[in-house]
């Protein structure tokens, strides 16, 4: 964790120096944006890991890597919410997770423009700026705040009817995407966050943070998470009811 914090500190310096200046945006083959902050931060992390732990592997959004390893794997999203970063919206973070034999054992979500650092260690809980955090105890959807990354997929697909029904019944709904929705669940500020599709580097760190805060994370049909699949984070108390409602497309 000390090393991961060093990486997060240096990533924050790089990210903030670019965020406050000339952000150069390009569009990748998958039609998503990338900036010089994304590439610079990932290159730095890869270099530092190679220097400190030469036998470790790295999987990152910008340079790829192999997730199928039985050893130590650092999973990196150098700038999560690049679209926010590119438009001077301060809700973005560097996500760092370490897996041992496929199990995530530590995670950091470093959001320097907001002055927030979320950390988690397997079996030791989750923190925000060093203070313990935990999920809410709300156990009824009509009393819950439900977050979502975007409505597009659920407005056009039959499977979205259950999701829209939940959003209609919730006490409050907001479109908070990327890492931000999941850490809001972890800190008890919302009860659930739903996303139709995420990559491993998007969900590895937030998942451990939510789980160590007492929450639960699965796909939206209740299965284990997988690269490119949906992600549902919740406080646990309303998780089963959400899965049932999401499955109801009538």
C-alpha atoms as a PDB file:
ATOM      1  CA  UNK A   1       0.000   0.000   0.000  1.00  0.00           C
ATOM      2  CA  UNK A   2       2.880   2.387   0.679  1.00  0.00           C
ATOM      3  CA  UNK A   3       4.079   1.861  -2.887  1.00  0.00           C
ATOM      4  CA  UNK A   4       0.529   2.263  -4.266  1.00  0.00           C
ATOM      5  CA  UNK A   5       0.262   5.557  -2.397  1.00  0.00           C
ATOM      6  CA  UNK A   6       3.518   6.716  -3.967  1.00  0.00           C
ATOM      7  CA  UNK A   7       2.055   5.911  -7.383  1.00  0.00           C
ATOM      8  CA  UNK A   8      -1.151   7.780  -6.522  1.00  0.00           C
ATOM      9  CA  UNK A   9       0.807  10.824  -5.330  1.00  0.00           C
ATOM     10  CA  UNK A  10       2.818  10.991  -8.543  1.00  0.00           C
ATOM     11  CA  UNK A  11      -0.277  10.364 -10.676  1.00  0.00           C
ATOM     12  CA  UNK A  12      -2.016  13.258  -8.918  1.00  0.00           C
ATOM     13  CA  UNK A  13       0.895  15.573  -9.679  1.00  0.00           C
ATOM     14  CA  UNK A  14       0.876  14.635 -13.347  1.00  0.00           C
ATOM     15  CA  UNK A  15      -2.899  14.795 -13.666  1.00  0.00           C
ATOM     16  CA  UNK A  16      -3.303  18.140 -11.928  1.00  0.00           C
ATOM     17  CA  UNK A  17      -0.459  19.752 -13.877  1.00  0.00           C
ATOM     18  CA  UNK A  18      -2.201  18.874 -17.143  1.00  0.00           C
ATOM     19  CA  UNK A  19      -5.759  19.482 -15.889  1.00  0.00           C
ATOM     20  CA  UNK A  20      -4.808  23.053 -15.036  1.00  0.00           C
ATOM     21  CA  UNK A  21      -3.191  23.678 -18.411  1.00  0.00           C
ATOM     22  CA  UNK A  22      -3.374  22.567 -22.024  1.00  0.00           C
ATOM     23  CA  UNK A  23      -5.335  19.309 -22.210  1.00  0.00           C
ATOM     24  CA  UNK A  24      -4.834  17.619 -25.570  1.00  0.00           C
ATOM     25  CA  UNK A  25      -7.621  15.198 -26.515  1.00  0.00           C
ATOM     26  CA  UNK A  26      -7.538  12.443 -29.132  1.00  0.00           C
ATOM     27  CA  UNK A  27     -10.152   9.839 -30.014  1.00  0.00           C
ATOM     28  CA  UNK A  28      -9.137   6.180 -29.825  1.00  0.00           C
ATOM     29  CA  UNK A  29     -10.281   3.388 -32.114  1.00  0.00           C
ATOM     30  CA  UNK A  30     -13.100   2.508 -29.692  1.00  0.00           C
ATOM     31  CA  UNK A  31     -14.390   6.100 -30.000  1.00  0.00           C
ATOM     32  CA  UNK A  32     -13.405   7.047 -26.436  1.00  0.00           C
ATOM     33  CA  UNK A  33     -11.200  10.039 -25.571  1.00  0.00           C
ATOM     34  CA  UNK A  34      -7.598   9.913 -24.411  1.00  0.00           C
ATOM     35  CA  UNK A  35      -5.392  12.751 -23.176  1.00  0.00           C
ATOM     36  CA  UNK A  36      -1.690  13.128 -22.510  1.00  0.00           C
ATOM     37  CA  UNK A  37      -2.519  12.659 -18.814  1.00  0.00           C
ATOM     38  CA  UNK A  38      -3.816   9.130 -19.487  1.00  0.00           C
ATOM     39  CA  UNK A  39      -0.701   8.074 -21.361  1.00  0.00           C
ATOM     40  CA  UNK A  40       1.775   9.865 -19.078  1.00  0.00           C
ATOM     41  CA  UNK A  41       0.320   8.445 -15.856  1.00  0.00           C
ATOM     42  CA  UNK A  42       0.152   4.894 -17.139  1.00  0.00           C
ATOM     43  CA  UNK A  43       3.712   5.103 -18.485  1.00  0.00           C
ATOM     44  CA  UNK A  44       4.911   6.360 -15.092  1.00  0.00           C
ATOM     45  CA  UNK A  45       3.165   3.548 -13.222  1.00  0.00           C
ATOM     46  CA  UNK A  46       4.536   0.901 -15.564  1.00  0.00           C
ATOM     47  CA  UNK A  47       8.048   2.287 -15.157  1.00  0.00           C
ATOM     48  CA  UNK A  48       7.802   2.450 -11.352  1.00  0.00           C
ATOM     49  CA  UNK A  49       6.399  -1.087 -11.055  1.00  0.00           C
ATOM     50  CA  UNK A  50       9.162  -2.437 -13.310  1.00  0.00           C
ATOM     51  CA  UNK A  51      11.766  -0.749 -11.132  1.00  0.00           C
ATOM     52  CA  UNK A  52      10.343  -1.799  -7.755  1.00  0.00           C
ATOM     53  CA  UNK A  53       8.747  -5.161  -8.564  1.00  0.00           C
ATOM     54  CA  UNK A  54      10.296  -6.413 -11.825  1.00  0.00           C
ATOM     55  CA  UNK A  55       8.409  -9.726 -11.775  1.00  0.00           C
ATOM     56  CA  UNK A  56       4.967  -8.097 -11.406  1.00  0.00           C
ATOM     57  CA  UNK A  57       2.602  -7.625 -14.335  1.00  0.00           C
ATOM     58  CA  UNK A  58       0.625  -4.508 -15.275  1.00  0.00           C
ATOM     59  CA  UNK A  59      -2.743  -4.293 -17.029  1.00  0.00           C
ATOM     60  CA  UNK A  60      -3.733  -0.779 -18.079  1.00  0.00           C
ATOM     61  CA  UNK A  61      -6.357   0.882 -20.183  1.00  0.00           C
ATOM     62  CA  UNK A  62      -3.912   2.570 -22.548  1.00  0.00           C
ATOM     63  CA  UNK A  63      -1.213  -0.069 -23.067  1.00  0.00           C
ATOM     64  CA  UNK A  64      -3.128  -3.258 -22.341  1.00  0.00           C
ATOM     65  CA  UNK A  65      -1.592  -6.337 -20.761  1.00  0.00           C
ATOM     66  CA  UNK A  66      -2.621  -9.845 -19.772  1.00  0.00           C
ATOM     67  CA  UNK A  67      -5.183 -10.307 -17.003  1.00  0.00           C
ATOM     68  CA  UNK A  68      -4.693 -14.092 -17.006  1.00  0.00           C
ATOM     69  CA  UNK A  69      -1.792 -14.362 -14.602  1.00  0.00           C
ATOM     70  CA  UNK A  70      -1.359 -16.363 -11.424  1.00  0.00           C
ATOM     71  CA  UNK A  71       1.130 -13.852 -10.063  1.00  0.00           C
ATOM     72  CA  UNK A  72       0.911 -10.235  -8.965  1.00  0.00           C
ATOM     73  CA  UNK A  73      -1.039  -7.981 -11.309  1.00  0.00           C
ATOM     74  CA  UNK A  74      -1.345  -4.198 -11.046  1.00  0.00           C
ATOM     75  CA  UNK A  75      -4.538  -2.980 -12.735  1.00  0.00           C
ATOM     76  CA  UNK A  76      -4.511   0.673 -13.739  1.00  0.00           C
ATOM     77  CA  UNK A  77      -6.950   3.177 -15.148  1.00  0.00           C
ATOM     78  CA  UNK A  78      -4.722   6.257 -15.384  1.00  0.00           C
ATOM     79  CA  UNK A  79      -7.627   8.683 -15.752  1.00  0.00           C
ATOM     80  CA  UNK A  80     -11.061   7.264 -15.043  1.00  0.00           C
ATOM     81  CA  UNK A  81     -13.629   9.709 -16.458  1.00  0.00           C
ATOM     82  CA  UNK A  82     -11.354  11.061 -19.187  1.00  0.00           C
ATOM     83  CA  UNK A  83     -14.360  12.801 -20.759  1.00  0.00           C
ATOM     84  CA  UNK A  84     -14.776  14.807 -17.545  1.00  0.00           C
ATOM     85  CA  UNK A  85     -11.056  15.550 -17.401  1.00  0.00           C
ATOM     86  CA  UNK A  86     -11.093  16.784 -20.994  1.00  0.00           C
ATOM     87  CA  UNK A  87     -13.934  19.210 -20.255  1.00  0.00           C
ATOM     88  CA  UNK A  88     -12.486  20.603 -17.017  1.00  0.00           C
ATOM     89  CA  UNK A  89     -14.930  18.713 -14.777  1.00  0.00           C
ATOM     90  CA  UNK A  90     -13.072  17.778 -11.577  1.00  0.00           C
ATOM     91  CA  UNK A  91     -14.728  14.360 -11.148  1.00  0.00           C
ATOM     92  CA  UNK A  92     -11.924  12.074 -12.366  1.00  0.00           C
ATOM     93  CA  UNK A  93      -9.521   9.687 -10.701  1.00  0.00           C
ATOM     94  CA  UNK A  94      -6.543   7.421 -11.104  1.00  0.00           C
ATOM     95  CA  UNK A  95      -7.589   3.873 -10.218  1.00  0.00           C
ATOM     96  CA  UNK A  96      -4.966   1.420  -8.960  1.00  0.00           C
ATOM     97  CA  UNK A  97      -5.627  -2.148  -7.850  1.00  0.00           C
ATOM     98  CA  UNK A  98      -3.357  -5.066  -7.023  1.00  0.00           C
ATOM     99  CA  UNK A  99      -4.465  -8.635  -7.635  1.00  0.00           C
ATOM    100  CA  UNK A 100      -2.755 -11.716  -6.218  1.00  0.00           C
ATOM    101  CA  UNK A 101      -3.736 -14.901  -8.015  1.00  0.00           C
ATOM    102  CA  UNK A 102      -6.833 -13.211  -9.414  1.00  0.00           C
ATOM    103  CA  UNK A 103      -8.013 -11.778  -6.070  1.00  0.00           C
ATOM    104  CA  UNK A 104      -7.962  -8.006  -5.561  1.00  0.00           C
ATOM    105  CA  UNK A 105      -6.129  -7.268  -2.323  1.00  0.00           C
ATOM    106  CA  UNK A 106      -5.706  -3.494  -2.364  1.00  0.00           C
ATOM    107  CA  UNK A 107      -7.203  -0.545  -4.176  1.00  0.00           C
ATOM    108  CA  UNK A 108      -6.839   3.213  -4.462  1.00  0.00           C
ATOM    109  CA  UNK A 109      -9.110   5.700  -6.203  1.00  0.00           C
ATOM    110  CA  UNK A 110      -7.179   8.981  -6.262  1.00  0.00           C
ATOM    111  CA  UNK A 111      -9.376  11.973  -7.140  1.00  0.00           C
ATOM    112  CA  UNK A 112      -6.968  14.907  -6.641  1.00  0.00           C
ATOM    113  CA  UNK A 113      -9.085  17.657  -8.193  1.00  0.00           C
ATOM    114  CA  UNK A 114     -11.640  16.980  -5.423  1.00  0.00           C
ATOM    115  CA  UNK A 115      -9.048  16.325  -2.725  1.00  0.00           C
ATOM    116  CA  UNK A 116     -10.307  12.778  -2.154  1.00  0.00           C
ATOM    117  CA  UNK A 117      -8.464   9.476  -1.873  1.00  0.00           C
ATOM    118  CA  UNK A 118     -10.365   6.238  -1.371  1.00  0.00           C
ATOM    119  CA  UNK A 119      -8.407   3.204  -0.202  1.00  0.00           C
ATOM    120  CA  UNK A 120      -9.200  -0.388   0.623  1.00  0.00           C
ATOM    121  CA  UNK A 121      -7.239  -3.446   1.706  1.00  0.00           C
ATOM    122  CA  UNK A 122      -8.794  -6.890   1.608  1.00  0.00           C
ATOM    123  CA  UNK A 123     -10.171  -7.677   5.070  1.00  0.00           C
ATOM    124  CA  UNK A 124      -9.218  -4.299   6.559  1.00  0.00           C
ATOM    125  CA  UNK A 125     -12.045  -2.008   5.460  1.00  0.00           C
ATOM    126  CA  UNK A 126     -12.196   1.086   3.276  1.00  0.00           C
ATOM    127  CA  UNK A 127     -11.308   4.713   3.944  1.00  0.00           C
ATOM    128  CA  UNK A 128     -11.773   8.205   2.537  1.00  0.00           C
ATOM    129  CA  UNK A 129      -8.767  10.418   3.249  1.00  0.00           C
ATOM    130  CA  UNK A 130      -7.813   8.015   6.026  1.00  0.00           C
ATOM    131  CA  UNK A 131     -11.209   7.935   7.764  1.00  0.00           C
ATOM    132  CA  UNK A 132     -13.262   4.705   7.702  1.00  0.00           C
ATOM    133  CA  UNK A 133     -16.293   4.650   5.438  1.00  0.00           C
ATOM    134  CA  UNK A 134     -19.258   2.305   5.273  1.00  0.00           C
ATOM    135  CA  UNK A 135     -22.356   1.813   3.158  1.00  0.00           C
ATOM    136  CA  UNK A 136     -25.815   2.960   4.200  1.00  0.00           C
ATOM    137  CA  UNK A 137     -28.391   0.787   5.931  1.00  0.00           C
ATOM    138  CA  UNK A 138     -31.339   1.806   3.736  1.00  0.00           C
ATOM    139  CA  UNK A 139     -33.214  -1.375   2.821  1.00  0.00           C
ATOM    140  CA  UNK A 140     -36.159  -0.139   0.753  1.00  0.00           C
ATOM    141  CA  UNK A 141     -35.966   1.089  -2.847  1.00  0.00           C
ATOM    142  CA  UNK A 142     -38.544   3.901  -2.345  1.00  0.00           C
ATOM    143  CA  UNK A 143     -36.189   5.312   0.322  1.00  0.00           C
ATOM    144  CA  UNK A 144     -33.033   4.871  -1.754  1.00  0.00           C
ATOM    145  CA  UNK A 145     -30.865   7.104  -3.913  1.00  0.00           C
ATOM    146  CA  UNK A 146     -30.014   5.166  -7.075  1.00  0.00           C
ATOM    147  CA  UNK A 147     -27.199   6.240  -9.404  1.00  0.00           C
ATOM    148  CA  UNK A 148     -26.635   5.316 -13.044  1.00  0.00           C
ATOM    149  CA  UNK A 149     -23.952   5.993 -15.635  1.00  0.00           C
ATOM    150  CA  UNK A 150     -26.293   6.842 -18.497  1.00  0.00           C
ATOM    151  CA  UNK A 151     -29.769   6.044 -19.754  1.00  0.00           C
ATOM    152  CA  UNK A 152     -29.039   5.371 -23.426  1.00  0.00           C
ATOM    153  CA  UNK A 153     -28.710   1.580 -23.242  1.00  0.00           C
ATOM    154  CA  UNK A 154     -31.791   1.220 -21.074  1.00  0.00           C
ATOM    155  CA  UNK A 155     -33.996   3.496 -23.136  1.00  0.00           C
ATOM    156  CA  UNK A 156     -33.511   1.426 -26.286  1.00  0.00           C
ATOM    157  CA  UNK A 157     -33.244  -2.175 -25.046  1.00  0.00           C
ATOM    158  CA  UNK A 158     -36.132  -4.312 -23.745  1.00  0.00           C
ATOM    159  CA  UNK A 159     -33.927  -5.358 -20.817  1.00  0.00           C
ATOM    160  CA  UNK A 160     -33.923  -1.755 -19.671  1.00  0.00           C
ATOM    161  CA  UNK A 161     -37.545  -1.780 -18.590  1.00  0.00           C
ATOM    162  CA  UNK A 162     -36.698  -3.204 -15.190  1.00  0.00           C
ATOM    163  CA  UNK A 163     -34.000  -0.578 -14.664  1.00  0.00           C
ATOM    164  CA  UNK A 164     -36.310   2.281 -15.622  1.00  0.00           C
ATOM    165  CA  UNK A 165     -38.963   0.899 -13.283  1.00  0.00           C
ATOM    166  CA  UNK A 166     -36.484   0.950 -10.390  1.00  0.00           C
ATOM    167  CA  UNK A 167     -35.437   4.501 -11.204  1.00  0.00           C
ATOM    168  CA  UNK A 168     -39.079   5.566 -11.262  1.00  0.00           C
ATOM    169  CA  UNK A 169     -39.689   4.062  -7.815  1.00  0.00           C
ATOM    170  CA  UNK A 170     -36.512   5.296  -6.095  1.00  0.00           C
ATOM    171  CA  UNK A 171     -36.634   8.300  -3.809  1.00  0.00           C
ATOM    172  CA  UNK A 172     -33.927  10.063  -5.806  1.00  0.00           C
ATOM    173  CA  UNK A 173     -31.913   9.260  -8.930  1.00  0.00           C
ATOM    174  CA  UNK A 174     -28.819  10.915 -10.359  1.00  0.00           C
ATOM    175  CA  UNK A 175     -26.558  10.257 -13.337  1.00  0.00           C
ATOM    176  CA  UNK A 176     -23.152   9.975 -11.661  1.00  0.00           C
ATOM    177  CA  UNK A 177     -20.879   7.898 -13.880  1.00  0.00           C
ATOM    178  CA  UNK A 178     -17.462   6.285 -13.659  1.00  0.00           C
ATOM    179  CA  UNK A 179     -15.742   5.629 -10.304  1.00  0.00           C
ATOM    180  CA  UNK A 180     -17.696   8.428  -8.634  1.00  0.00           C
ATOM    181  CA  UNK A 181     -21.026   6.589  -8.409  1.00  0.00           C
ATOM    182  CA  UNK A 182     -19.422   3.516  -6.848  1.00  0.00           C
ATOM    183  CA  UNK A 183     -17.476   5.387  -4.176  1.00  0.00           C
ATOM    184  CA  UNK A 184     -20.618   7.337  -3.292  1.00  0.00           C
ATOM    185  CA  UNK A 185     -22.208   3.963  -2.541  1.00  0.00           C
ATOM    186  CA  UNK A 186     -19.148   2.985  -0.481  1.00  0.00           C
ATOM    187  CA  UNK A 187     -19.344   6.143   1.627  1.00  0.00           C
ATOM    188  CA  UNK A 188     -23.081   5.765   2.256  1.00  0.00           C
ATOM    189  CA  UNK A 189     -24.153   8.732   0.126  1.00  0.00           C
ATOM    190  CA  UNK A 190     -26.164   6.515  -2.240  1.00  0.00           C
ATOM    191  CA  UNK A 191     -27.603   3.026  -2.092  1.00  0.00           C
ATOM    192  CA  UNK A 192     -26.756   1.663  -5.556  1.00  0.00           C
ATOM    193  CA  UNK A 193     -24.890   2.407  -8.780  1.00  0.00           C
ATOM    194  CA  UNK A 194     -25.658   0.610 -12.067  1.00  0.00           C
ATOM    195  CA  UNK A 195     -23.582   0.537 -15.260  1.00  0.00           C
ATOM    196  CA  UNK A 196     -24.311  -1.504 -18.402  1.00  0.00           C
ATOM    197  CA  UNK A 197     -20.673  -2.200 -19.328  1.00  0.00           C
ATOM    198  CA  UNK A 198     -17.264  -1.732 -17.697  1.00  0.00           C
ATOM    199  CA  UNK A 199     -13.717  -2.925 -18.330  1.00  0.00           C
ATOM    200  CA  UNK A 200     -11.642  -4.630 -15.645  1.00  0.00           C
ATOM    201  CA  UNK A 201      -9.541  -1.511 -15.076  1.00  0.00           C
ATOM    202  CA  UNK A 202     -12.761   0.470 -14.510  1.00  0.00           C
ATOM    203  CA  UNK A 203     -14.183  -1.769 -11.802  1.00  0.00           C
ATOM    204  CA  UNK A 204     -11.254  -3.523 -10.068  1.00  0.00           C
ATOM    205  CA  UNK A 205     -10.459  -0.746  -7.584  1.00  0.00           C
ATOM    206  CA  UNK A 206     -14.018   0.543  -6.947  1.00  0.00           C
ATOM    207  CA  UNK A 207     -15.261  -3.017  -6.364  1.00  0.00           C
ATOM    208  CA  UNK A 208     -12.876  -3.658  -3.483  1.00  0.00           C
ATOM    209  CA  UNK A 209     -13.629  -0.236  -1.997  1.00  0.00           C
ATOM    210  CA  UNK A 210     -17.383  -0.916  -2.045  1.00  0.00           C
ATOM    211  CA  UNK A 211     -17.029  -4.434  -0.678  1.00  0.00           C
ATOM    212  CA  UNK A 212     -14.656  -3.389   2.098  1.00  0.00           C
ATOM    213  CA  UNK A 213     -17.138  -0.660   3.050  1.00  0.00           C
ATOM    214  CA  UNK A 214     -19.734  -3.401   3.566  1.00  0.00           C
ATOM    215  CA  UNK A 215     -21.415  -3.335   0.173  1.00  0.00           C
ATOM    216  CA  UNK A 216     -21.952  -5.865  -2.582  1.00  0.00           C
ATOM    217  CA  UNK A 217     -20.948  -5.847  -6.256  1.00  0.00           C
ATOM    218  CA  UNK A 218     -22.171  -8.166  -9.040  1.00  0.00           C
ATOM    219  CA  UNK A 219     -23.272  -7.913 -12.623  1.00  0.00           C
ATOM    220  CA  UNK A 220     -26.819  -6.666 -13.068  1.00  0.00           C
ATOM    221  CA  UNK A 221     -28.051 -10.240 -13.353  1.00  0.00           C
ATOM    222  CA  UNK A 222     -26.266 -11.307 -10.176  1.00  0.00           C
ATOM    223  CA  UNK A 223     -23.267 -13.040 -11.750  1.00  0.00           C
ATOM    224  CA  UNK A 224     -19.582 -12.458 -10.901  1.00  0.00           C
ATOM    225  CA  UNK A 225     -18.017  -9.459 -12.611  1.00  0.00           C
ATOM    226  CA  UNK A 226     -16.259  -9.925 -15.937  1.00  0.00           C
ATOM    227  CA  UNK A 227     -14.461  -7.665 -18.389  1.00  0.00           C
ATOM    228  CA  UNK A 228     -16.999  -5.798 -20.521  1.00  0.00           C
ATOM    229  CA  UNK A 229     -19.983  -6.868 -18.431  1.00  0.00           C
ATOM    230  CA  UNK A 230     -22.449  -4.832 -16.402  1.00  0.00           C
ATOM    231  CA  UNK A 231     -21.725  -3.728 -12.839  1.00  0.00           C
ATOM    232  CA  UNK A 232     -24.115  -3.190  -9.949  1.00  0.00           C
ATOM    233  CA  UNK A 233     -22.732  -1.780  -6.698  1.00  0.00           C
ATOM    234  CA  UNK A 234     -25.035  -1.512  -3.713  1.00  0.00           C
ATOM    235  CA  UNK A 235     -25.155  -1.278   0.044  1.00  0.00           C
ATOM    236  CA  UNK A 236     -26.118  -4.960   0.043  1.00  0.00           C
ATOM    237  CA  UNK A 237     -29.423  -4.369   1.790  1.00  0.00           C
ATOM    238  CA  UNK A 238     -31.303  -3.696  -1.455  1.00  0.00           C
ATOM    239  CA  UNK A 239     -29.136  -5.792  -3.784  1.00  0.00           C
ATOM    240  CA  UNK A 240     -31.378  -8.848  -4.134  1.00  0.00           C
ATOM    241  CA  UNK A 241     -34.446  -6.683  -4.675  1.00  0.00           C
ATOM    242  CA  UNK A 242     -32.621  -4.717  -7.359  1.00  0.00           C
ATOM    243  CA  UNK A 243     -31.612  -7.919  -9.153  1.00  0.00           C
ATOM    244  CA  UNK A 244     -35.206  -9.131  -9.068  1.00  0.00           C
ATOM    245  CA  UNK A 245     -36.533  -5.844 -10.383  1.00  0.00           C
ATOM    246  CA  UNK A 246     -33.879  -5.567 -13.090  1.00  0.00           C
ATOM    247  CA  UNK A 247     -34.790  -9.034 -14.319  1.00  0.00           C
ATOM    248  CA  UNK A 248     -38.440  -8.030 -14.673  1.00  0.00           C
ATOM    249  CA  UNK A 249     -38.772  -6.587 -18.184  1.00  0.00           C
ATOM    250  CA  UNK A 250     -42.548  -6.796 -18.366  1.00  0.00           C
END
